[in-house]
Amino acid sequence: MTLYTLQHARHLASAQEALRFYRALGETHVQVSGCNTRAAAQITRFVAVLPTRGPHTVSFEGGRLTALAREALAQLVLASYEYLDVRSQNADLRCWPALYSWVHAQADRTALARALGAELVDSSFVLGELRGTFHSDGRPYPVDIETRAPQPAWRIFDALSSDVLRRGFLRGAQPDSHPHLVRLLIESGSEVQIDAVLPLEVACQLTNDTAGAEGGWQSSGVLVAFPDGIITGSLTSTQASETDEADWHARIDEVLRKAGL
């Protein structure tokens, strides 16, 4: 099934107009994405408004794993969340506390043995909680390690990873993880963005705080993209006649009229 994107001629001029628009749609919450920022105060607000229930993700890109950022990450891996993914220049850390944690890294046998506290490393090894493989086939990341607990995986990632942070994300952060997440994001200097379902008033404040940044609100099958305020929707290939398209535009016209826009 193909989706066809529709765009309305009217653009919304501000987050306040978007708030009025979605209220006229009968919505109290919207899915907010983007709002990219590096500002400490805005990052703190991002994390503070994360819902305790429902899917939400905080993503980050660029920056450095400084000593303070590593301290924050060491605490974060032990906190409550659904899934954590951190990619340095030469190593990846993936923590799924309910199941397993993994490290994939670029390292030779000597560096891996040093990280493991072992004299030497076989192609396959089990050391305590860690189970791993060193691949000798020339792949970019020859080290694969898995463990049931995040902390042992973090210890190996910390030993092998460079200070260059490429990207990462945290899904399902719970309140006890918030202070450590904020410290990691601020100390690393990463660019941060959010993806969460939030009350309209909160969405409006965050969008105003990051004015000019790319982002979007979505609900009831309607997306408003910032900073230009573009209103879009979609039709499926089975319902994409001229009448269907006219009905969509008429619906948006009526919502704009109801919102007084």
C-alpha atoms as a PDB file:
ATOM      1  CA  MET A   1       0.000   0.000   0.000  1.00  0.00           C
ATOM      2  CA  THR A   2       1.367   3.396  -1.039  1.00  0.00           C
ATOM      3  CA  LEU A   3       0.959   6.589   0.986  1.00  0.00           C
ATOM      4  CA  TYR A   4       0.446   9.885  -0.815  1.00  0.00           C
ATOM      5  CA  THR A   5       1.417  13.058   1.046  1.00  0.00           C
ATOM      6  CA  LEU A   6      -0.903  16.059   0.953  1.00  0.00           C
ATOM      7  CA  GLN A   7       0.085  19.609   1.858  1.00  0.00           C
ATOM      8  CA  HIS A   8      -2.283  22.388   2.767  1.00  0.00           C
ATOM      9  CA  ALA A   9      -1.772  25.858   1.341  1.00  0.00           C
ATOM     10  CA  ARG A  10      -1.957  27.469   4.774  1.00  0.00           C
ATOM     11  CA  HIS A  11       1.163  27.516   6.968  1.00  0.00           C
ATOM     12  CA  LEU A  12       0.925  28.034  10.723  1.00  0.00           C
ATOM     13  CA  ALA A  13       2.934  31.011  11.938  1.00  0.00           C
ATOM     14  CA  SER A  14       3.876  29.800  15.415  1.00  0.00           C
ATOM     15  CA  ALA A  15       3.672  27.067  18.025  1.00  0.00           C
ATOM     16  CA  GLN A  16       0.749  28.961  19.563  1.00  0.00           C
ATOM     17  CA  GLU A  17      -1.181  28.679  16.294  1.00  0.00           C
ATOM     18  CA  ALA A  18      -0.335  24.968  16.141  1.00  0.00           C
ATOM     19  CA  LEU A  19      -1.683  24.571  19.681  1.00  0.00           C
ATOM     20  CA  ARG A  20      -4.977  26.199  18.652  1.00  0.00           C
ATOM     21  CA  PHE A  21      -5.086  24.043  15.513  1.00  0.00           C
ATOM     22  CA  TYR A  22      -4.735  20.740  17.390  1.00  0.00           C
ATOM     23  CA  ARG A  23      -7.199  21.829  20.060  1.00  0.00           C
ATOM     24  CA  ALA A  24      -9.693  22.419  17.264  1.00  0.00           C
ATOM     25  CA  LEU A  25      -8.948  18.859  16.112  1.00  0.00           C
ATOM     26  CA  GLY A  26     -10.025  17.728  19.577  1.00  0.00           C
ATOM     27  CA  GLU A  27      -6.535  16.766  20.729  1.00  0.00           C
ATOM     28  CA  THR A  28      -4.924  17.388  24.123  1.00  0.00           C
ATOM     29  CA  HIS A  29      -1.574  15.727  23.272  1.00  0.00           C
ATOM     30  CA  VAL A  30       0.700  15.542  20.221  1.00  0.00           C
ATOM     31  CA  GLN A  31       3.725  13.484  19.285  1.00  0.00           C
ATOM     32  CA  VAL A  32       6.654  15.895  19.317  1.00  0.00           C
ATOM     33  CA  SER A  33       9.815  15.146  17.341  1.00  0.00           C
ATOM     34  CA  GLY A  34      12.982  17.134  16.731  1.00  0.00           C
ATOM     35  CA  CYS A  35      13.470  20.440  18.618  1.00  0.00           C
ATOM     36  CA  ASN A  36      17.243  19.970  18.253  1.00  0.00           C
ATOM     37  CA  THR A  37      19.374  21.778  20.825  1.00  0.00           C
ATOM     38  CA  ARG A  38      22.738  21.825  22.576  1.00  0.00           C
ATOM     39  CA  ALA A  39      21.652  24.314  25.258  1.00  0.00           C
ATOM     40  CA  ALA A  40      21.905  22.964  28.804  1.00  0.00           C
ATOM     41  CA  ALA A  41      18.693  24.622  30.012  1.00  0.00           C
ATOM     42  CA  GLN A  42      16.683  23.257  27.086  1.00  0.00           C
ATOM     43  CA  ILE A  43      18.164  19.765  27.486  1.00  0.00           C
ATOM     44  CA  THR A  44      17.176  19.818  31.155  1.00  0.00           C
ATOM     45  CA  ARG A  45      13.593  20.762  30.190  1.00  0.00           C
ATOM     46  CA  PHE A  46      13.488  18.051  27.515  1.00  0.00           C
ATOM     47  CA  VAL A  47      14.289  15.363  30.053  1.00  0.00           C
ATOM     48  CA  ALA A  48      12.052  16.839  32.775  1.00  0.00           C
ATOM     49  CA  VAL A  49       8.917  16.571  30.607  1.00  0.00           C
ATOM     50  CA  LEU A  50       9.442  12.964  29.493  1.00  0.00           C
ATOM     51  CA  PRO A  51       6.345  10.907  30.301  1.00  0.00           C
ATOM     52  CA  THR A  52       6.733   7.993  32.700  1.00  0.00           C
ATOM     53  CA  ARG A  53       4.389   5.946  30.525  1.00  0.00           C
ATOM     54  CA  GLY A  54       4.185   5.596  26.791  1.00  0.00           C
ATOM     55  CA  PRO A  55       6.986   5.399  24.210  1.00  0.00           C
ATOM     56  CA  HIS A  56       9.541   8.183  24.181  1.00  0.00           C
ATOM     57  CA  THR A  57      13.103   8.577  22.947  1.00  0.00           C
ATOM     58  CA  VAL A  58      15.892  11.066  23.541  1.00  0.00           C
ATOM     59  CA  SER A  59      18.482  11.000  20.743  1.00  0.00           C
ATOM     60  CA  PHE A  60      21.911  12.644  20.663  1.00  0.00           C
ATOM     61  CA  GLU A  61      24.593  13.153  18.060  1.00  0.00           C
ATOM     62  CA  GLY A  62      28.187  14.335  18.100  1.00  0.00           C
ATOM     63  CA  GLY A  63      30.225  15.484  21.078  1.00  0.00           C
ATOM     64  CA  ARG A  64      32.830  13.749  23.178  1.00  0.00           C
ATOM     65  CA  LEU A  65      32.907  11.117  25.890  1.00  0.00           C
ATOM     66  CA  THR A  66      34.815  13.232  28.375  1.00  0.00           C
ATOM     67  CA  ALA A  67      35.642  11.965  31.855  1.00  0.00           C
ATOM     68  CA  LEU A  68      32.495  13.632  33.245  1.00  0.00           C
ATOM     69  CA  ALA A  69      30.347  12.275  30.424  1.00  0.00           C
ATOM     70  CA  ARG A  70      31.699   8.785  31.095  1.00  0.00           C
ATOM     71  CA  GLU A  71      30.900   9.135  34.803  1.00  0.00           C
ATOM     72  CA  ALA A  72      27.324  10.042  33.897  1.00  0.00           C
ATOM     73  CA  LEU A  73      27.053   7.154  31.438  1.00  0.00           C
ATOM     74  CA  ALA A  74      28.375   4.722  34.050  1.00  0.00           C
ATOM     75  CA  GLN A  75      25.457   5.720  36.324  1.00  0.00           C
ATOM     76  CA  LEU A  76      22.932   5.824  33.492  1.00  0.00           C
ATOM     77  CA  VAL A  77      23.489   2.197  32.458  1.00  0.00           C
ATOM     78  CA  LEU A  78      22.455   1.128  35.978  1.00  0.00           C
ATOM     79  CA  ALA A  79      19.259   3.209  36.043  1.00  0.00           C
ATOM     80  CA  SER A  80      15.759   2.361  34.780  1.00  0.00           C
ATOM     81  CA  TYR A  81      15.061   2.546  31.043  1.00  0.00           C
ATOM     82  CA  GLU A  82      13.933   0.366  28.174  1.00  0.00           C
ATOM     83  CA  TYR A  83      16.915   0.511  25.825  1.00  0.00           C
ATOM     84  CA  LEU A  84      20.202   2.433  25.562  1.00  0.00           C
ATOM     85  CA  ASP A  85      22.366   2.707  22.458  1.00  0.00           C
ATOM     86  CA  VAL A  86      25.710   4.589  22.430  1.00  0.00           C
ATOM     87  CA  ARG A  87      28.100   4.708  19.458  1.00  0.00           C
ATOM     88  CA  SER A  88      31.631   6.034  19.793  1.00  0.00           C
ATOM     89  CA  GLN A  89      34.037   6.276  16.874  1.00  0.00           C
ATOM     90  CA  ASN A  90      35.278   2.723  17.385  1.00  0.00           C
ATOM     91  CA  ALA A  91      32.856   0.935  19.735  1.00  0.00           C
ATOM     92  CA  ASP A  92      29.113   0.439  20.247  1.00  0.00           C
ATOM     93  CA  LEU A  93      27.265  -0.187  23.513  1.00  0.00           C
ATOM     94  CA  ARG A  94      23.714  -1.552  23.489  1.00  0.00           C
ATOM     95  CA  CYS A  95      21.883  -2.160  26.737  1.00  0.00           C
ATOM     96  CA  TRP A  96      18.513  -3.867  26.948  1.00  0.00           C
ATOM     97  CA  PRO A  97      18.283  -4.448  30.704  1.00  0.00           C
ATOM     98  CA  ALA A  98      15.324  -6.812  30.450  1.00  0.00           C
ATOM     99  CA  LEU A  99      17.280  -9.167  28.192  1.00  0.00           C
ATOM    100  CA  TYR A 100      20.979  -8.637  27.322  1.00  0.00           C
ATOM    101  CA  SER A 101      23.657  -6.012  26.758  1.00  0.00           C
ATOM    102  CA  TRP A 102      26.199  -6.012  23.955  1.00  0.00           C
ATOM    103  CA  VAL A 103      29.514  -4.415  22.982  1.00  0.00           C
ATOM    104  CA  HIS A 104      30.892  -4.353  19.436  1.00  0.00           C
ATOM    105  CA  ALA A 105      34.319  -2.801  19.072  1.00  0.00           C
ATOM    106  CA  GLN A 106      37.364  -2.204  16.941  1.00  0.00           C
ATOM    107  CA  ALA A 107      40.306  -3.574  18.935  1.00  0.00           C
ATOM    108  CA  ASP A 108      43.118  -6.083  18.654  1.00  0.00           C
ATOM    109  CA  ARG A 109      43.539  -9.108  20.889  1.00  0.00           C
ATOM    110  CA  THR A 110      46.002  -7.290  23.150  1.00  0.00           C
ATOM    111  CA  ALA A 111      43.650  -4.375  23.834  1.00  0.00           C
ATOM    112  CA  LEU A 112      40.721  -6.753  24.356  1.00  0.00           C
ATOM    113  CA  ALA A 113      42.700  -8.906  26.789  1.00  0.00           C
ATOM    114  CA  ARG A 114      43.684  -5.786  28.735  1.00  0.00           C
ATOM    115  CA  ALA A 115      40.041  -4.666  28.900  1.00  0.00           C
ATOM    116  CA  LEU A 116      38.974  -8.105  30.091  1.00  0.00           C
ATOM    117  CA  GLY A 117      41.776  -8.389  32.619  1.00  0.00           C
ATOM    118  CA  ALA A 118      42.998 -11.571  30.945  1.00  0.00           C
ATOM    119  CA  GLU A 119      46.433 -12.673  29.771  1.00  0.00           C
ATOM    120  CA  LEU A 120      45.178 -13.677  26.318  1.00  0.00           C
ATOM    121  CA  VAL A 121      41.914 -14.050  24.437  1.00  0.00           C
ATOM    122  CA  ASP A 122      40.794 -17.032  22.370  1.00  0.00           C
ATOM    123  CA  SER A 123      38.505 -16.695  19.373  1.00  0.00           C
ATOM    124  CA  SER A 124      35.587 -17.585  21.644  1.00  0.00           C
ATOM    125  CA  PHE A 125      35.675 -16.925  25.370  1.00  0.00           C
ATOM    126  CA  VAL A 126      33.600 -16.851  28.540  1.00  0.00           C
ATOM    127  CA  LEU A 127      34.823 -14.735  31.437  1.00  0.00           C
ATOM    128  CA  GLY A 128      32.426 -14.444  34.338  1.00  0.00           C
ATOM    129  CA  GLU A 129      29.260 -12.759  33.044  1.00  0.00           C
ATOM    130  CA  LEU A 130      30.819 -12.024  29.661  1.00  0.00           C
ATOM    131  CA  ARG A 131      30.541 -14.210  26.595  1.00  0.00           C
ATOM    132  CA  GLY A 132      32.380 -13.091  23.491  1.00  0.00           C
ATOM    133  CA  THR A 133      34.014 -13.711  20.150  1.00  0.00           C
ATOM    134  CA  PHE A 134      37.094 -12.234  18.514  1.00  0.00           C
ATOM    135  CA  HIS A 135      36.712 -12.467  14.744  1.00  0.00           C
ATOM    136  CA  SER A 136      39.854 -12.850  12.652  1.00  0.00           C
ATOM    137  CA  ASP A 137      38.202 -12.369   9.262  1.00  0.00           C
ATOM    138  CA  GLY A 138      39.122  -8.702   8.818  1.00  0.00           C
ATOM    139  CA  ARG A 139      35.753  -7.183   9.709  1.00  0.00           C
ATOM    140  CA  PRO A 140      35.834  -3.543  10.970  1.00  0.00           C
ATOM    141  CA  TYR A 141      34.545  -4.482  14.454  1.00  0.00           C
ATOM    142  CA  PRO A 142      36.135  -7.842  15.344  1.00  0.00           C
ATOM    143  CA  VAL A 143      35.010  -7.771  19.007  1.00  0.00           C
ATOM    144  CA  ASP A 144      31.521  -9.060  19.892  1.00  0.00           C
ATOM    145  CA  ILE A 145      30.588  -9.393  23.561  1.00  0.00           C
ATOM    146  CA  GLU A 146      27.279 -10.056  25.275  1.00  0.00           C
ATOM    147  CA  THR A 147      26.215 -10.196  28.900  1.00  0.00           C
ATOM    148  CA  ARG A 148      22.944 -10.299  30.800  1.00  0.00           C
ATOM    149  CA  ALA A 149      23.711  -7.174  32.854  1.00  0.00           C
ATOM    150  CA  PRO A 150      24.496  -3.665  31.552  1.00  0.00           C
ATOM    151  CA  GLN A 151      27.344  -2.893  33.970  1.00  0.00           C
ATOM    152  CA  PRO A 152      29.862  -5.491  32.697  1.00  0.00           C
ATOM    153  CA  ALA A 153      29.136  -4.384  29.130  1.00  0.00           C
ATOM    154  CA  TRP A 154      29.699  -0.755  30.115  1.00  0.00           C
ATOM    155  CA  ARG A 155      33.046  -1.667  31.701  1.00  0.00           C
ATOM    156  CA  ILE A 156      34.305  -3.167  28.433  1.00  0.00           C
ATOM    157  CA  PHE A 157      32.913  -0.307  26.338  1.00  0.00           C
ATOM    158  CA  ASP A 158      34.589   2.213  28.649  1.00  0.00           C
ATOM    159  CA  ALA A 159      37.922   0.449  28.268  1.00  0.00           C
ATOM    160  CA  LEU A 160      37.772   0.143  24.468  1.00  0.00           C
ATOM    161  CA  SER A 161      35.858   3.203  23.244  1.00  0.00           C
ATOM    162  CA  SER A 162      37.409   6.378  21.925  1.00  0.00           C
ATOM    163  CA  ASP A 163      36.337   9.780  23.219  1.00  0.00           C
ATOM    164  CA  VAL A 164      34.610  10.694  19.936  1.00  0.00           C
ATOM    165  CA  LEU A 165      30.855  10.265  20.349  1.00  0.00           C
ATOM    166  CA  ARG A 166      29.045   9.652  17.073  1.00  0.00           C
ATOM    167  CA  ARG A 167      25.443   9.210  18.198  1.00  0.00           C
ATOM    168  CA  GLY A 168      23.091   7.415  20.553  1.00  0.00           C
ATOM    169  CA  PHE A 169      19.627   7.286  22.011  1.00  0.00           C
ATOM    170  CA  LEU A 170      17.771   6.308  25.176  1.00  0.00           C
ATOM    171  CA  ARG A 171      14.268   4.880  24.971  1.00  0.00           C
ATOM    172  CA  GLY A 172      11.820   4.655  27.872  1.00  0.00           C
ATOM    173  CA  ALA A 173      13.825   6.692  30.396  1.00  0.00           C
ATOM    174  CA  GLN A 174      12.355   6.541  33.910  1.00  0.00           C
ATOM    175  CA  PRO A 175      12.736   9.306  36.543  1.00  0.00           C
ATOM    176  CA  ASP A 176      15.737   7.740  38.290  1.00  0.00           C
ATOM    177  CA  SER A 177      17.659   7.905  34.991  1.00  0.00           C
ATOM    178  CA  HIS A 178      16.934  11.581  34.330  1.00  0.00           C
ATOM    179  CA  PRO A 179      19.791  13.202  36.302  1.00  0.00           C
ATOM    180  CA  HIS A 180      22.381  10.903  34.710  1.00  0.00           C
ATOM    181  CA  LEU A 181      20.931  11.409  31.237  1.00  0.00           C
ATOM    182  CA  VAL A 182      21.020  15.197  31.617  1.00  0.00           C
ATOM    183  CA  ARG A 183      24.643  15.081  32.795  1.00  0.00           C
ATOM    184  CA  LEU A 184      25.665  12.840  29.885  1.00  0.00           C
ATOM    185  CA  LEU A 185      24.005  15.070  27.301  1.00  0.00           C
ATOM    186  CA  ILE A 186      25.393  18.308  28.706  1.00  0.00           C
ATOM    187  CA  GLU A 187      28.908  17.073  29.493  1.00  0.00           C
ATOM    188  CA  SER A 188      29.284  15.403  26.085  1.00  0.00           C
ATOM    189  CA  GLY A 189      28.182  18.551  24.229  1.00  0.00           C
ATOM    190  CA  SER A 190      25.890  16.511  21.978  1.00  0.00           C
ATOM    191  CA  GLU A 191      23.060  17.856  19.867  1.00  0.00           C
ATOM    192  CA  VAL A 192      19.875  16.494  21.420  1.00  0.00           C
ATOM    193  CA  GLN A 193      16.399  15.851  20.067  1.00  0.00           C
ATOM    194  CA  ILE A 194      13.220  14.416  21.509  1.00  0.00           C
ATOM    195  CA  ASP A 195      10.449  12.095  20.314  1.00  0.00           C
ATOM    196  CA  ALA A 196       7.561  11.839  22.776  1.00  0.00           C
ATOM    197  CA  VAL A 197       3.814  12.269  23.180  1.00  0.00           C
ATOM    198  CA  LEU A 198       3.347  15.429  25.246  1.00  0.00           C
ATOM    199  CA  PRO A 199       0.517  17.737  26.353  1.00  0.00           C
ATOM    200  CA  LEU A 200      -0.098  20.573  23.904  1.00  0.00           C
ATOM    201  CA  GLU A 201       1.048  23.243  26.367  1.00  0.00           C
ATOM    202  CA  VAL A 202       4.342  21.417  26.959  1.00  0.00           C
ATOM    203  CA  ALA A 203       4.857  20.896  23.234  1.00  0.00           C
ATOM    204  CA  CYS A 204       4.280  24.607  22.664  1.00  0.00           C
ATOM    205  CA  GLN A 205       6.848  25.589  25.291  1.00  0.00           C
ATOM    206  CA  LEU A 206       9.524  23.231  23.965  1.00  0.00           C
ATOM    207  CA  THR A 207       9.000  24.401  20.393  1.00  0.00           C
ATOM    208  CA  ASN A 208       9.195  28.037  21.485  1.00  0.00           C
ATOM    209  CA  ASP A 209      12.380  27.280  23.444  1.00  0.00           C
ATOM    210  CA  THR A 210      14.023  25.877  20.313  1.00  0.00           C
ATOM    211  CA  ALA A 211      12.605  28.376  17.822  1.00  0.00           C
ATOM    212  CA  GLY A 212      14.039  27.873  14.344  1.00  0.00           C
ATOM    213  CA  ALA A 213      14.934  24.209  14.901  1.00  0.00           C
ATOM    214  CA  GLU A 214      13.432  21.536  12.687  1.00  0.00           C
ATOM    215  CA  GLY A 215      10.745  19.429  14.311  1.00  0.00           C
ATOM    216  CA  GLY A 216       7.138  18.389  14.104  1.00  0.00           C
ATOM    217  CA  TRP A 217       3.878  17.743  15.920  1.00  0.00           C
ATOM    218  CA  GLN A 218       1.648  14.888  14.866  1.00  0.00           C
ATOM    219  CA  SER A 219      -1.804  13.663  15.883  1.00  0.00           C
ATOM    220  CA  SER A 220      -5.078  12.666  14.219  1.00  0.00           C
ATOM    221  CA  GLY A 221      -3.154  11.870  11.044  1.00  0.00           C
ATOM    222  CA  VAL A 222      -2.025  15.475  10.647  1.00  0.00           C
ATOM    223  CA  LEU A 223       1.602  16.668  10.867  1.00  0.00           C
ATOM    224  CA  VAL A 224       2.718  20.249  11.420  1.00  0.00           C
ATOM    225  CA  ALA A 225       6.393  20.707  10.526  1.00  0.00           C
ATOM    226  CA  PHE A 226       8.454  23.479  12.117  1.00  0.00           C
ATOM    227  CA  PRO A 227       9.939  26.015  11.664  1.00  0.00           C
ATOM    228  CA  ASP A 228       7.786  26.693   8.580  1.00  0.00           C
ATOM    229  CA  GLY A 229       4.446  25.533  10.025  1.00  0.00           C
ATOM    230  CA  ILE A 230       3.670  23.300   7.044  1.00  0.00           C
ATOM    231  CA  ILE A 231       0.476  21.237   7.451  1.00  0.00           C
ATOM    232  CA  THR A 232       0.597  17.790   5.838  1.00  0.00           C
ATOM    233  CA  GLY A 233      -1.367  14.568   5.856  1.00  0.00           C
ATOM    234  CA  SER A 234      -1.562  11.409   3.800  1.00  0.00           C
ATOM    235  CA  LEU A 235      -3.933   9.210   1.830  1.00  0.00           C
ATOM    236  CA  THR A 236      -3.504   5.537   1.035  1.00  0.00           C
ATOM    237  CA  SER A 237      -3.395   4.260  -2.532  1.00  0.00           C
ATOM    238  CA  THR A 238      -6.844   2.728  -2.021  1.00  0.00           C
ATOM    239  CA  GLN A 239      -8.335   6.062  -0.942  1.00  0.00           C
ATOM    240  CA  ALA A 240      -6.560   8.677  -3.046  1.00  0.00           C
ATOM    241  CA  SER A 241      -9.179   9.904  -5.459  1.00  0.00           C
ATOM    242  CA  GLU A 242      -9.720  13.582  -6.224  1.00  0.00           C
ATOM    243  CA  THR A 243     -12.753  13.451  -3.933  1.00  0.00           C
ATOM    244  CA  ASP A 244     -10.665  12.010  -1.079  1.00  0.00           C
ATOM    245  CA  GLU A 245      -8.068  14.738  -1.548  1.00  0.00           C
ATOM    246  CA  ALA A 246     -10.742  17.445  -1.627  1.00  0.00           C
ATOM    247  CA  ASP A 247     -12.295  16.012   1.541  1.00  0.00           C
ATOM    248  CA  TRP A 248      -8.907  16.179   3.325  1.00  0.00           C
ATOM    249  CA  HIS A 249      -8.391  19.819   2.382  1.00  0.00           C
ATOM    250  CA  ALA A 250     -11.965  20.618   3.418  1.00  0.00           C
ATOM    251  CA  ARG A 251     -11.333  18.977   6.781  1.00  0.00           C
ATOM    252  CA  ILE A 252      -8.228  21.097   7.379  1.00  0.00           C
ATOM    253  CA  ASP A 253     -10.109  24.224   6.250  1.00  0.00           C
ATOM    254  CA  GLU A 254     -12.820  23.502   8.808  1.00  0.00           C
ATOM    255  CA  VAL A 255     -10.287  22.924  11.606  1.00  0.00           C
ATOM    256  CA  LEU A 256      -8.543  26.207  10.768  1.00  0.00           C
ATOM    257  CA  ARG A 257     -11.901  28.017  10.793  1.00  0.00           C
ATOM    258  CA  LYS A 258     -12.843  26.436  14.125  1.00  0.00           C
ATOM    259  CA  ALA A 259      -9.444  27.469  15.566  1.00  0.00           C
ATOM    260  CA  GLY A 260      -9.943  31.029  14.344  1.00  0.00           C
ATOM    261  CA  LEU A 261      -6.889  30.889  12.109  1.00  0.00           C
END
